[in-house]
Protein backbone atom coordinates (compact mmCIF):
# COMPACT_ATOMS: atom_id res chain seq x y z
CA UNK A 1 -21.15 26.53 -25.51
CA UNK A 2 -18.00 28.63 -25.83
CA UNK A 3 -16.28 28.31 -29.19
CA UNK A 4 -13.26 25.99 -29.20
CA UNK A 5 -10.44 25.53 -31.68
CA UNK A 6 -9.70 22.13 -33.19
CA UNK A 7 -6.13 20.87 -33.52
CA UNK A 8 -5.90 22.48 -36.99
CA UNK A 9 -7.50 25.74 -35.86
CA UNK A 10 -11.11 25.27 -36.99
CA UNK A 11 -13.65 27.08 -34.80
CA UNK A 12 -16.06 24.57 -33.24
CA UNK A 13 -19.25 25.62 -31.49
CA UNK A 14 -22.55 23.98 -30.52
CA UNK A 15 -25.26 26.11 -32.12
CA UNK A 16 -28.93 26.00 -33.14
CA UNK A 17 -29.05 25.13 -36.82
CA UNK A 18 -32.18 27.24 -37.24
CA UNK A 19 -29.95 30.30 -37.64
CA UNK A 20 -28.42 28.80 -40.80
CA UNK A 21 -31.61 27.81 -42.67
CA UNK A 22 -34.01 29.87 -44.77
CA UNK A 23 -36.94 28.22 -42.95
CA UNK A 24 -35.57 29.14 -39.53
CA UNK A 25 -36.12 25.79 -37.80
CA UNK A 26 -33.71 23.13 -36.55
CA UNK A 27 -32.15 22.00 -33.29
CA UNK A 28 -28.56 22.10 -32.16
CA UNK A 29 -25.44 20.46 -33.54
CA UNK A 30 -21.67 20.78 -33.31
CA UNK A 31 -20.79 23.29 -36.02
CA UNK A 32 -17.29 23.40 -37.56
CA UNK A 33 -16.28 26.62 -39.32
CA UNK A 34 -13.48 25.50 -41.62
CA UNK A 35 -11.18 27.89 -43.48
CA UNK A 36 -8.71 25.51 -45.14
CA UNK A 37 -8.41 22.07 -46.66
CA UNK A 38 -6.46 20.96 -43.60
CA UNK A 39 -9.29 21.98 -41.28
CA UNK A 40 -11.84 20.37 -43.60
CA UNK A 41 -9.93 17.08 -43.58
CA UNK A 42 -9.99 17.09 -39.79
CA UNK A 43 -13.71 17.86 -39.68
CA UNK A 44 -14.38 14.93 -42.03
CA UNK A 45 -12.66 12.44 -39.68
CA UNK A 46 -16.00 11.86 -37.94
CA UNK A 47 -19.54 11.58 -39.41
CA UNK A 48 -20.44 14.96 -40.88
CA UNK A 49 -22.94 16.97 -42.87
CA UNK A 50 -22.19 20.03 -44.99
CA UNK A 51 -24.48 23.04 -44.60
CA UNK A 52 -24.44 25.92 -47.08
CA UNK A 53 -27.19 28.48 -47.55
CA UNK A 54 -29.75 26.30 -45.78
CA UNK A 55 -32.51 26.39 -48.42
CA UNK A 56 -34.45 23.27 -49.51
CA UNK A 57 -33.77 21.92 -46.04
CA UNK A 58 -35.84 21.02 -42.98
CA UNK A 59 -33.79 20.12 -39.90
CA UNK A 60 -35.39 18.20 -37.02
CA UNK A 61 -36.17 20.04 -33.79
CA UNK A 62 -33.71 17.69 -32.08
CA UNK A 63 -30.90 18.71 -34.42
CA UNK A 64 -28.50 16.10 -35.81
CA UNK A 65 -25.78 14.02 -34.12
CA UNK A 66 -23.16 14.53 -36.84
CA UNK A 67 -20.71 17.39 -37.12
CA UNK A 68 -22.07 20.16 -39.34
CA UNK A 69 -19.45 21.79 -41.59
CA UNK A 70 -19.60 25.41 -42.74
CA UNK A 71 -17.09 26.73 -45.29
CA UNK A 72 -15.66 30.08 -44.20
CA UNK A 73 -12.58 32.30 -44.49
CA UNK A 74 -10.66 31.66 -47.76
CA UNK A 75 -13.19 28.97 -48.69
CA UNK A 76 -15.83 31.72 -48.76
CA UNK A 77 -13.86 34.19 -50.88
CA UNK A 78 -13.90 34.84 -54.63
CA UNK A 79 -11.39 35.74 -57.33
CA UNK A 80 -13.16 36.85 -60.49
CA UNK A 81 -10.01 37.98 -62.27
CA UNK A 82 -9.96 36.59 -65.83
CA UNK A 83 -7.34 33.90 -66.39
CA UNK A 84 -5.38 35.27 -69.40
CA UNK A 85 -4.43 31.79 -70.56
CA UNK A 86 -8.05 30.64 -70.76
CA UNK A 87 -9.95 33.86 -71.55
CA UNK A 88 -10.47 35.73 -74.82
CA UNK A 89 -12.63 38.51 -76.23
CA UNK A 90 -15.78 36.40 -75.87
CA UNK A 91 -15.27 34.12 -72.87
CA UNK A 92 -13.81 34.62 -69.40
CA UNK A 93 -12.54 31.87 -67.10
CA UNK A 94 -12.24 33.25 -63.59
CA UNK A 95 -10.01 32.44 -60.66
CA UNK A 96 -11.34 30.30 -57.83
CA UNK A 97 -14.68 31.02 -56.18
CA UNK A 98 -15.10 29.43 -52.74
CA UNK A 99 -17.95 27.06 -51.99
CA UNK A 100 -18.96 29.23 -49.04
CA UNK A 101 -19.58 32.33 -51.19
CA UNK A 102 -23.25 33.44 -51.07
CA UNK A 103 -24.73 33.00 -54.54
CA UNK A 104 -26.96 36.14 -54.61
CA UNK A 105 -24.01 38.46 -53.97
CA UNK A 106 -21.90 36.65 -56.56
CA UNK A 107 -24.59 37.05 -59.23
CA UNK A 108 -24.84 40.78 -58.52
CA UNK A 109 -21.06 41.16 -58.82
CA UNK A 110 -20.97 39.24 -62.10
CA UNK A 111 -23.61 41.57 -63.48
CA UNK A 112 -21.56 44.63 -62.64
CA UNK A 113 -18.53 43.04 -64.32
CA UNK A 114 -20.50 42.26 -67.46
CA UNK A 115 -20.17 38.49 -67.17
CA UNK A 116 -23.11 36.46 -68.45
CA UNK A 117 -24.14 32.83 -67.93
CA UNK A 118 -25.55 32.50 -64.45
CA UNK A 119 -28.43 35.01 -64.60
CA UNK A 120 -30.93 32.17 -64.41
CA UNK A 121 -29.92 31.47 -60.82
CA UNK A 122 -30.84 34.97 -59.61
CA UNK A 123 -32.62 35.00 -56.27
CA UNK A 124 -31.63 31.49 -55.20
CA UNK A 125 -30.66 31.74 -51.49
CA UNK A 126 -27.73 29.35 -51.61
CA UNK A 127 -23.98 29.22 -51.27
CA UNK A 128 -21.93 28.33 -54.33
CA UNK A 129 -20.89 24.86 -53.14
CA UNK A 130 -24.42 23.72 -52.37
CA UNK A 131 -25.83 25.32 -55.50
CA UNK A 132 -23.28 23.44 -57.62
CA UNK A 133 -23.80 20.17 -55.73
CA UNK A 134 -27.53 20.16 -56.57
CA UNK A 135 -27.16 22.07 -59.87
CA UNK A 136 -29.56 24.71 -58.59
CA UNK A 137 -31.42 26.80 -61.10
CA UNK A 138 -34.71 28.01 -62.52
CA UNK A 139 -36.44 27.56 -65.85
CA UNK A 140 -34.03 30.21 -67.18
CA UNK A 141 -30.73 28.55 -66.31
CA UNK A 142 -28.70 26.49 -63.85
CA UNK A 143 -25.28 26.43 -62.20
CA UNK A 144 -23.68 24.11 -64.75
CA UNK A 145 -24.31 26.77 -67.41
CA UNK A 146 -21.31 28.67 -66.05
CA UNK A 147 -18.82 26.15 -64.68
CA UNK A 148 -15.29 25.51 -65.94
CA UNK A 149 -13.63 23.51 -63.13
CA UNK A 150 -14.82 22.08 -59.84
CA UNK A 151 -12.68 21.25 -56.83
CA UNK A 152 -14.22 18.42 -54.84
CA UNK A 153 -13.05 17.12 -51.48
CA UNK A 154 -13.84 13.48 -50.75
CA UNK A 155 -13.01 11.24 -47.78
CA UNK A 156 -10.11 9.98 -49.93
CA UNK A 157 -8.69 13.39 -50.87
CA UNK A 158 -9.09 16.38 -53.19
CA UNK A 159 -9.62 16.28 -56.93
CA UNK A 160 -10.42 18.71 -59.72
CA UNK A 161 -12.96 17.83 -62.40
CA UNK A 162 -14.79 19.51 -65.26
CA UNK A 163 -18.52 19.30 -66.00
CA UNK A 164 -17.70 16.77 -68.74
CA UNK A 165 -16.38 14.42 -66.05
CA UNK A 166 -19.73 14.35 -64.25
CA UNK A 167 -23.07 12.78 -65.08
CA UNK A 168 -24.99 15.96 -64.30
CA UNK A 169 -28.55 16.86 -65.17
CA UNK A 170 -31.69 18.56 -63.90
CA UNK A 171 -31.12 19.53 -60.22
CA UNK A 172 -28.34 16.96 -60.03
CA UNK A 173 -24.57 17.39 -60.35
CA UNK A 174 -23.76 13.69 -60.21
CA UNK A 175 -21.51 14.38 -57.19
CA UNK A 176 -21.92 11.79 -54.38
CA UNK A 177 -23.46 12.90 -51.10
CA UNK A 178 -20.30 12.63 -48.97
CA UNK A 179 -18.28 14.81 -51.37
CA UNK A 180 -17.91 18.56 -50.79
CA UNK A 181 -17.61 21.24 -53.49
CA UNK A 182 -14.97 23.54 -52.01
CA UNK A 183 -14.17 25.81 -54.97
CA UNK A 184 -15.11 26.36 -58.60
CA UNK A 185 -13.83 28.31 -61.58
CA UNK A 186 -16.47 29.95 -63.75
CA UNK A 187 -16.65 30.17 -67.54
CA UNK A 188 -18.80 33.12 -68.56
CA UNK A 189 -19.51 35.19 -71.65
CA UNK A 190 -18.56 38.85 -71.84
CA UNK A 191 -21.62 41.11 -72.16
CA UNK A 192 -22.75 44.64 -71.40
CA UNK A 193 -23.78 44.97 -67.73
CA UNK A 194 -27.15 46.31 -68.90
CA UNK A 195 -27.73 43.15 -70.93
CA UNK A 196 -26.94 40.94 -67.95
CA UNK A 197 -29.22 43.01 -65.71
CA UNK A 198 -32.10 42.71 -68.18
CA UNK A 199 -31.74 38.92 -68.17
CA UNK A 200 -31.68 38.90 -64.36
CA UNK A 201 -34.83 41.01 -64.19
CA UNK A 202 -36.59 38.73 -66.67
CA UNK A 203 -35.68 35.61 -64.70
CA UNK A 204 -36.66 37.28 -61.43
CA UNK A 205 -40.19 37.95 -62.70
CA UNK A 206 -40.97 34.26 -62.23
CA UNK A 207 -40.41 34.67 -58.49
CA UNK A 208 -42.80 37.58 -57.98
CA UNK A 209 -45.69 35.36 -56.90
CA UNK A 210 -43.64 33.53 -54.29
CA UNK A 211 -44.02 34.24 -50.56
CA UNK A 212 -41.57 36.62 -48.90
CA UNK A 213 -41.61 34.95 -45.46
CA UNK A 214 -39.15 32.35 -44.16
CA UNK A 215 -39.41 29.27 -46.37
CA UNK A 216 -37.18 26.44 -47.62
CA UNK A 217 -38.47 26.93 -51.17
CA UNK A 218 -40.77 24.66 -53.18
CA UNK A 219 -41.96 21.69 -51.14
CA UNK A 220 -42.58 19.18 -53.96
CA UNK A 221 -41.24 18.56 -57.45
CA UNK A 222 -43.78 18.89 -60.25
CA UNK A 223 -45.07 15.36 -60.97
CA UNK A 224 -45.09 14.51 -64.65
CA UNK A 225 -44.94 18.14 -65.70
CA UNK A 226 -48.04 19.05 -63.68
CA UNK A 227 -47.71 21.96 -61.23
CA UNK A 228 -47.41 20.65 -57.67
CA UNK A 229 -48.75 23.98 -56.40
CA UNK A 230 -51.85 23.62 -58.58
CA UNK A 231 -52.49 20.11 -57.26
CA UNK A 232 -52.16 21.27 -53.64
CA UNK A 233 -54.43 24.23 -54.34
CA UNK A 234 -57.04 22.00 -56.00
CA UNK A 235 -57.00 19.80 -52.89
CA UNK A 236 -58.17 22.83 -50.91
CA UNK A 237 -55.00 23.08 -48.84
CA UNK A 238 -53.79 26.59 -49.65
CA UNK A 239 -53.72 28.54 -46.38
CA UNK A 240 -53.76 25.40 -44.19
CA UNK A 241 -51.86 25.84 -40.94
CA UNK A 242 -50.29 23.59 -38.32
CA UNK A 243 -48.81 25.45 -35.37
CA UNK A 244 -46.86 28.32 -36.86
CA UNK A 245 -46.25 26.69 -40.24
CA UNK A 246 -48.52 27.69 -43.12
CA UNK A 247 -49.13 26.57 -46.70
CA UNK A 248 -48.59 29.94 -48.33
CA UNK A 249 -51.68 31.73 -49.71
CA UNK A 250 -49.49 33.17 -52.49
CA UNK A 251 -48.31 29.79 -53.78
CA UNK A 252 -49.50 26.43 -52.44
CA UNK A 253 -46.17 24.66 -53.06
CA UNK A 254 -44.48 26.80 -50.39
CA UNK A 255 -44.58 26.26 -46.64
CA UNK A 256 -43.70 29.34 -44.60
CA UNK A 257 -42.68 29.97 -41.01
CA UNK A 258 -45.03 32.51 -39.42
CA UNK A 259 -42.59 32.86 -36.52
CA UNK A 260 -41.62 30.19 -34.06
CA UNK A 261 -42.65 27.25 -36.25
CA UNK A 262 -41.14 23.85 -35.49
CA UNK A 263 -39.93 21.14 -37.82
CA UNK A 264 -42.80 19.02 -36.46
CA UNK A 265 -45.27 21.65 -37.74
CA UNK A 266 -43.72 21.47 -41.21
CA UNK A 267 -43.69 17.67 -41.26
CA UNK A 268 -47.38 17.66 -40.31
CA UNK A 269 -48.23 19.89 -43.28
CA UNK A 270 -46.17 17.71 -45.63
CA UNK A 271 -48.07 14.65 -44.38
CA UNK A 272 -51.37 16.46 -44.89
CA UNK A 273 -50.47 17.31 -48.48
CA UNK A 274 -49.41 13.75 -49.27
CA UNK A 275 -52.63 12.43 -47.71
CA UNK A 276 -54.95 14.79 -49.61
CA UNK A 277 -53.28 15.12 -53.04
CA UNK A 278 -54.20 12.08 -55.17
CA UNK A 279 -50.99 12.16 -57.24
CA UNK A 280 -47.73 10.87 -55.70
CA UNK A 281 -45.23 13.72 -55.45
CA UNK A 282 -41.51 13.68 -54.73
CA UNK A 283 -40.31 15.92 -51.94
CA UNK A 284 -38.06 18.80 -53.00
CA UNK A 285 -36.74 19.35 -49.46
CA UNK A 286 -33.86 17.49 -47.89
CA UNK A 287 -34.79 16.26 -44.42
CA UNK A 288 -32.21 16.07 -41.60
CA UNK A 289 -32.16 13.34 -40.45
CA UNK A 290 -33.79 11.37 -43.24
CA UNK A 291 -37.08 9.64 -42.30
CA UNK A 292 -36.44 6.42 -40.42
CA UNK A 293 -32.94 7.47 -39.29
CA UNK A 294 -32.06 8.32 -35.74
């Protein structure tokens, strides 16, 4: 399909969603590339989904019927200039960082600027908006460690909030599903770039045993503090394969795409794990569409 322009100038194109996910699976949908709040408001006039970095996500081979929104242009730009009214010798409050900004590149830039607070998110393949929406992180830190202000677009309009306004917690921002994080301002501590880099390297060590192939990330949350990967391994499932999807030999809580895998392959492996592991486990992935929905 040739790209079209909406009435407000958003680029609209029917595309395979597999190109936007870290797993590399997913059928087609109508994708809206929005660069302004006006374009975003138009895109939200019909049922929609917001797609950021595409991790923790398995999209059906049939795609989804809703519009899929991607933040681009000014909504994918960053201003890390310290706000003189809110910054001092210890803390920096930045300008606005767009929800469409890739998180890995942002973390590298913060390190070079000597700004500390988000090192624990190193290596997470997300965009800022999605990472904030789910409060992405690792055992060494999370997105809400470095937030000052959030701009959220809802079906009713745009509002700005602080972390204190939200009931956030572990992997949860408290932001409703149909709300979109369009921009944030960061609050970070001044530090030597070498100190920030050392913290990034330390946090990154925890990822060394993870597979390097296409993957959505961890498949299941750890039940009751027990390692989901250990439970899957003990069930004898490490290395199991359906089609071109594989339970990774490096870490049993990861499903990888060997090349040309389908969403159906991944769903079959998830079903196998749930059938063979005796402990109920909550899925880490978001499924599009959700089970039972057309």
